[in-house]
């Protein structure tokens, strides 16, 4: 089969794999950002036991490889608990990968949010209380945009890292874009022994990260009035 005949087959497979990658990326952000914010609020709360528990969880998750977390979350229910909650299909693998990624990135976002919140001068909260504002009003009307400005660079870095980390989902046989590109080395859709599709996957990642880098740069510029 010539390159001209291989190209549309490979392109279609890579597009399907990238769609799976993009879905995992999007679902992770939708779940991890609010969960990370909740964890950050809990970590700076007045309850010592809650703070200790959250810090322990964050330490364990951040201190262990995401690949191990994927394997444990996917295989542990079936092999140890005899309750294969994920099933064996692609949808089950995607669900397990989503849970693993959300938990992992929520813990990283938690530390970023915590640092941003604690970086706001205490005097602003005291001034708000003097003016009769409630703590929730102070946070959403005074602190929030300043926190976003402060955490935007580290958050954008984590989000770009997430794009590349989605490739780890292939450890549980989730058919994302790297899986699609690598399959043509082993044999897929009448094509085998070719490596160029795997290199083509890099173009997808570069384009995706490039677009996000531009968007984050523009957002950071809009928030520059907090300097």
Protein backbone atom coordinates (compact mmCIF):
# COMPACT_ATOMS: atom_id res chain seq x y z
CA UNK A 1 0.00 0.00 0.00
CA UNK A 2 1.45 3.35 -1.06
CA UNK A 3 1.78 6.42 1.15
CA UNK A 4 -1.06 8.12 -0.76
CA UNK A 5 -3.31 5.16 0.02
CA UNK A 6 -2.18 4.96 3.66
CA UNK A 7 -2.55 8.67 4.45
CA UNK A 8 -6.38 9.00 4.53
CA UNK A 9 -6.65 5.79 6.60
CA UNK A 10 -4.06 6.99 9.08
CA UNK A 11 -5.53 10.50 9.22
CA UNK A 12 -8.99 9.14 10.00
CA UNK A 13 -7.62 6.94 12.77
CA UNK A 14 -5.58 9.78 14.26
CA UNK A 15 -8.59 12.09 14.19
CA UNK A 16 -10.62 9.50 16.09
CA UNK A 17 -7.81 9.07 18.61
CA UNK A 18 -7.43 12.81 19.04
CA UNK A 19 -11.15 13.16 19.71
CA UNK A 20 -10.77 10.64 22.53
CA UNK A 21 -7.74 12.57 23.83
CA UNK A 22 -9.65 15.86 23.68
CA UNK A 23 -12.65 14.36 25.52
CA UNK A 24 -10.39 13.09 28.31
CA UNK A 25 -8.66 16.48 28.50
CA UNK A 26 -11.96 18.39 28.66
CA UNK A 27 -13.63 16.12 31.22
CA UNK A 28 -10.53 16.26 33.40
CA UNK A 29 -10.60 20.06 33.45
CA UNK A 30 -14.34 20.21 34.12
CA UNK A 31 -13.96 17.86 37.08
CA UNK A 32 -10.51 18.75 38.43
CA UNK A 33 -10.76 22.55 38.59
CA UNK A 34 -13.82 22.77 40.90
CA UNK A 35 -12.65 19.76 42.92
CA UNK A 36 -9.23 21.36 43.29
CA UNK A 37 -10.84 24.57 44.54
CA UNK A 38 -12.88 22.63 47.12
CA UNK A 39 -9.77 20.80 48.30
CA UNK A 40 -7.88 24.09 48.60
CA UNK A 41 -10.65 25.63 50.70
CA UNK A 42 -10.69 22.51 52.91
CA UNK A 43 -6.90 22.60 53.25
CA UNK A 44 -6.95 26.14 54.67
CA UNK A 45 -10.04 25.61 56.82
CA UNK A 46 -10.09 25.92 60.61
CA UNK A 47 -10.67 22.18 61.15
CA UNK A 48 -7.32 20.53 61.90
CA UNK A 49 -8.48 16.98 61.14
CA UNK A 50 -9.87 18.02 57.77
CA UNK A 51 -6.67 19.90 56.93
CA UNK A 52 -4.56 16.89 57.91
CA UNK A 53 -6.71 14.51 55.85
CA UNK A 54 -6.62 16.69 52.71
CA UNK A 55 -2.88 17.24 52.99
CA UNK A 56 -2.31 13.50 53.32
CA UNK A 57 -4.43 12.73 50.26
CA UNK A 58 -2.71 15.45 48.22
CA UNK A 59 0.71 14.19 49.31
CA UNK A 60 -0.10 10.61 48.29
CA UNK A 61 -1.55 11.57 44.90
CA UNK A 62 1.18 14.05 44.02
CA UNK A 63 3.89 11.71 45.28
CA UNK A 64 2.90 8.67 43.23
CA UNK A 65 3.03 8.26 39.42
CA UNK A 66 -0.18 8.89 37.49
CA UNK A 67 0.42 5.62 35.63
CA UNK A 68 0.17 3.64 38.88
CA UNK A 69 -2.99 5.51 39.83
CA UNK A 70 -4.53 4.61 36.47
CA UNK A 71 -3.70 0.93 36.93
CA UNK A 72 -5.02 0.83 40.50
CA UNK A 73 -8.27 2.66 39.73
CA UNK A 74 -8.98 0.49 36.70
CA UNK A 75 -7.92 -2.95 37.97
CA UNK A 76 -8.37 -2.78 41.77
CA UNK A 77 -12.21 -3.03 41.87
CA UNK A 78 -12.25 -6.14 39.70
CA UNK A 79 -9.12 -7.98 40.88
CA UNK A 80 -9.32 -7.24 44.60
CA UNK A 81 -12.96 -6.42 45.34
CA UNK A 82 -14.39 -8.76 42.69
CA UNK A 83 -16.55 -5.86 41.52
CA UNK A 84 -15.54 -4.90 37.96
CA UNK A 85 -17.34 -1.55 38.01
CA UNK A 86 -15.68 -0.30 34.83
CA UNK A 87 -16.44 -3.25 32.58
CA UNK A 88 -14.16 -4.25 29.74
CA UNK A 89 -15.29 -1.92 26.98
CA UNK A 90 -13.87 1.35 25.73
CA UNK A 91 -16.46 3.37 27.66
CA UNK A 92 -15.42 1.72 30.93
CA UNK A 93 -11.75 2.39 30.25
CA UNK A 94 -12.56 6.00 29.47
CA UNK A 95 -14.54 6.37 32.71
CA UNK A 96 -11.70 4.90 34.78
CA UNK A 97 -9.15 7.14 33.06
CA UNK A 98 -11.35 10.18 33.67
CA UNK A 99 -11.64 9.43 37.39
CA UNK A 100 -7.87 8.91 37.71
CA UNK A 101 -7.04 12.11 35.84
CA UNK A 102 -9.59 14.20 37.74
CA UNK A 103 -8.29 13.05 41.14
CA UNK A 104 -4.65 13.51 40.12
CA UNK A 105 -5.01 16.97 38.65
CA UNK A 106 -7.41 18.16 41.35
CA UNK A 107 -4.61 17.62 43.87
CA UNK A 108 -2.16 19.66 41.79
CA UNK A 109 -4.73 22.41 41.25
CA UNK A 110 -5.47 22.34 44.99
CA UNK A 111 -1.93 23.45 45.84
CA UNK A 112 -2.00 26.15 43.15
CA UNK A 113 -5.33 27.52 44.38
CA UNK A 114 -4.19 27.39 48.00
CA UNK A 115 -1.07 29.36 47.19
CA UNK A 116 -3.08 31.93 45.25
CA UNK A 117 -5.65 32.40 48.00
CA UNK A 118 -3.06 32.69 50.76
CA UNK A 119 -1.03 35.11 48.65
CA UNK A 120 -3.72 37.80 48.86
CA UNK A 121 -2.89 40.35 51.61
CA UNK A 122 -4.89 39.83 54.79
CA UNK A 123 -5.58 43.56 54.92
CA UNK A 124 -8.03 43.28 52.05
CA UNK A 125 -10.24 40.90 54.00
CA UNK A 126 -10.02 43.05 57.09
CA UNK A 127 -11.01 46.13 55.10
CA UNK A 128 -13.97 44.28 53.62
CA UNK A 129 -15.16 43.19 57.05
CA UNK A 130 -14.92 46.78 58.29
CA UNK A 131 -17.10 47.86 55.36
CA UNK A 132 -19.72 45.31 56.40
CA UNK A 133 -19.04 42.73 53.68
CA UNK A 134 -19.50 39.03 54.36
CA UNK A 135 -16.55 36.62 53.85
CA UNK A 136 -18.19 35.16 50.72
CA UNK A 137 -18.65 38.64 49.25
CA UNK A 138 -15.03 39.51 49.98
CA UNK A 139 -13.83 36.36 48.25
CA UNK A 140 -15.93 36.66 45.09
CA UNK A 141 -15.91 40.45 44.68
CA UNK A 142 -12.43 41.34 45.94
CA UNK A 143 -10.12 38.33 45.97
CA UNK A 144 -11.23 36.04 43.15
CA UNK A 145 -9.90 37.95 40.12
CA UNK A 146 -6.64 38.62 41.94
CA UNK A 147 -6.32 34.92 42.68
CA UNK A 148 -6.97 34.07 39.01
CA UNK A 149 -4.26 36.53 37.96
CA UNK A 150 -1.78 35.03 40.42
CA UNK A 151 -2.44 31.38 39.54
CA UNK A 152 -2.84 31.74 35.77
CA UNK A 153 0.80 30.94 34.85
CA UNK A 154 1.05 27.75 36.98
CA UNK A 155 -2.47 26.67 36.02
CA UNK A 156 -1.75 27.13 32.32
CA UNK A 157 1.44 25.09 32.73
CA UNK A 158 -0.48 22.25 34.39
CA UNK A 159 -3.16 22.33 31.69
CA UNK A 160 -0.56 22.07 28.93
CA UNK A 161 1.06 19.20 30.84
CA UNK A 162 -2.35 17.53 31.02
CA UNK A 163 -2.55 17.48 27.22
CA UNK A 164 0.60 15.36 27.07
CA UNK A 165 -0.29 13.25 30.12
CA UNK A 166 -3.44 12.00 28.42
CA UNK A 167 -1.15 9.68 26.45
CA UNK A 168 -0.64 7.68 29.68
CA UNK A 169 -4.21 6.42 29.38
CA UNK A 170 -3.02 3.87 26.84
CA UNK A 171 -1.60 1.87 29.80
CA UNK A 172 -5.17 0.64 30.36
CA UNK A 173 -5.68 0.24 26.59
CA UNK A 174 -7.68 3.42 26.09
CA UNK A 175 -7.48 4.13 22.38
CA UNK A 176 -6.27 7.74 22.43
CA UNK A 177 -4.13 9.35 19.72
CA UNK A 178 -0.79 7.73 20.66
CA UNK A 179 -2.50 4.33 20.70
CA UNK A 180 -3.88 5.08 17.22
CA UNK A 181 -0.47 6.11 15.85
CA UNK A 182 1.35 3.16 17.39
CA UNK A 183 -1.19 0.65 16.12
CA UNK A 184 0.11 1.03 12.55
CA UNK A 185 3.50 -0.28 13.66
CA UNK A 186 1.93 -3.53 14.85
CA UNK A 187 -0.74 -3.82 12.16
CA UNK A 188 -4.03 -1.98 11.78
CA UNK A 189 -6.50 -1.59 8.91
CA UNK A 190 -4.16 -3.32 6.47
CA UNK A 191 -1.13 -1.21 7.42
CA UNK A 192 1.81 -2.56 9.42
CA UNK A 193 5.46 -1.85 10.00
CA UNK A 194 5.23 1.93 9.48
CA UNK A 195 6.32 4.46 12.10
CA UNK A 196 5.45 7.76 10.41
CA UNK A 197 1.89 7.85 11.85
CA UNK A 198 3.41 7.95 15.33
CA UNK A 199 5.43 11.04 14.43
CA UNK A 200 2.31 12.66 13.00
CA UNK A 201 0.70 12.49 16.45
CA UNK A 202 3.25 15.10 17.56
CA UNK A 203 1.68 17.59 15.15
CA UNK A 204 -1.66 17.26 16.93
CA UNK A 205 -0.06 17.89 20.32
CA UNK A 206 1.98 20.85 19.04
CA UNK A 207 -1.08 22.44 17.42
CA UNK A 208 -3.23 21.93 20.53
CA UNK A 209 -0.61 23.27 22.95
CA UNK A 210 0.11 26.17 20.60
CA UNK A 211 -3.54 27.24 20.54
CA UNK A 212 -3.82 27.03 24.33
CA UNK A 213 -0.57 28.96 24.80
CA UNK A 214 -1.95 31.82 22.69
CA UNK A 215 -5.26 31.82 24.58
CA UNK A 216 -3.55 31.87 27.98
CA UNK A 217 -1.23 34.68 26.86
CA UNK A 218 -4.23 36.79 25.83
CA UNK A 219 -6.04 36.05 29.09
CA UNK A 220 -2.97 36.99 31.11
CA UNK A 221 -2.74 40.26 29.17
CA UNK A 222 -6.36 41.09 29.98
CA UNK A 223 -5.68 40.56 33.68
CA UNK A 224 -2.57 42.76 33.61
CA UNK A 225 -4.42 45.65 35.26
CA UNK A 226 -3.86 43.93 38.63
CA UNK A 227 -0.15 44.78 38.49
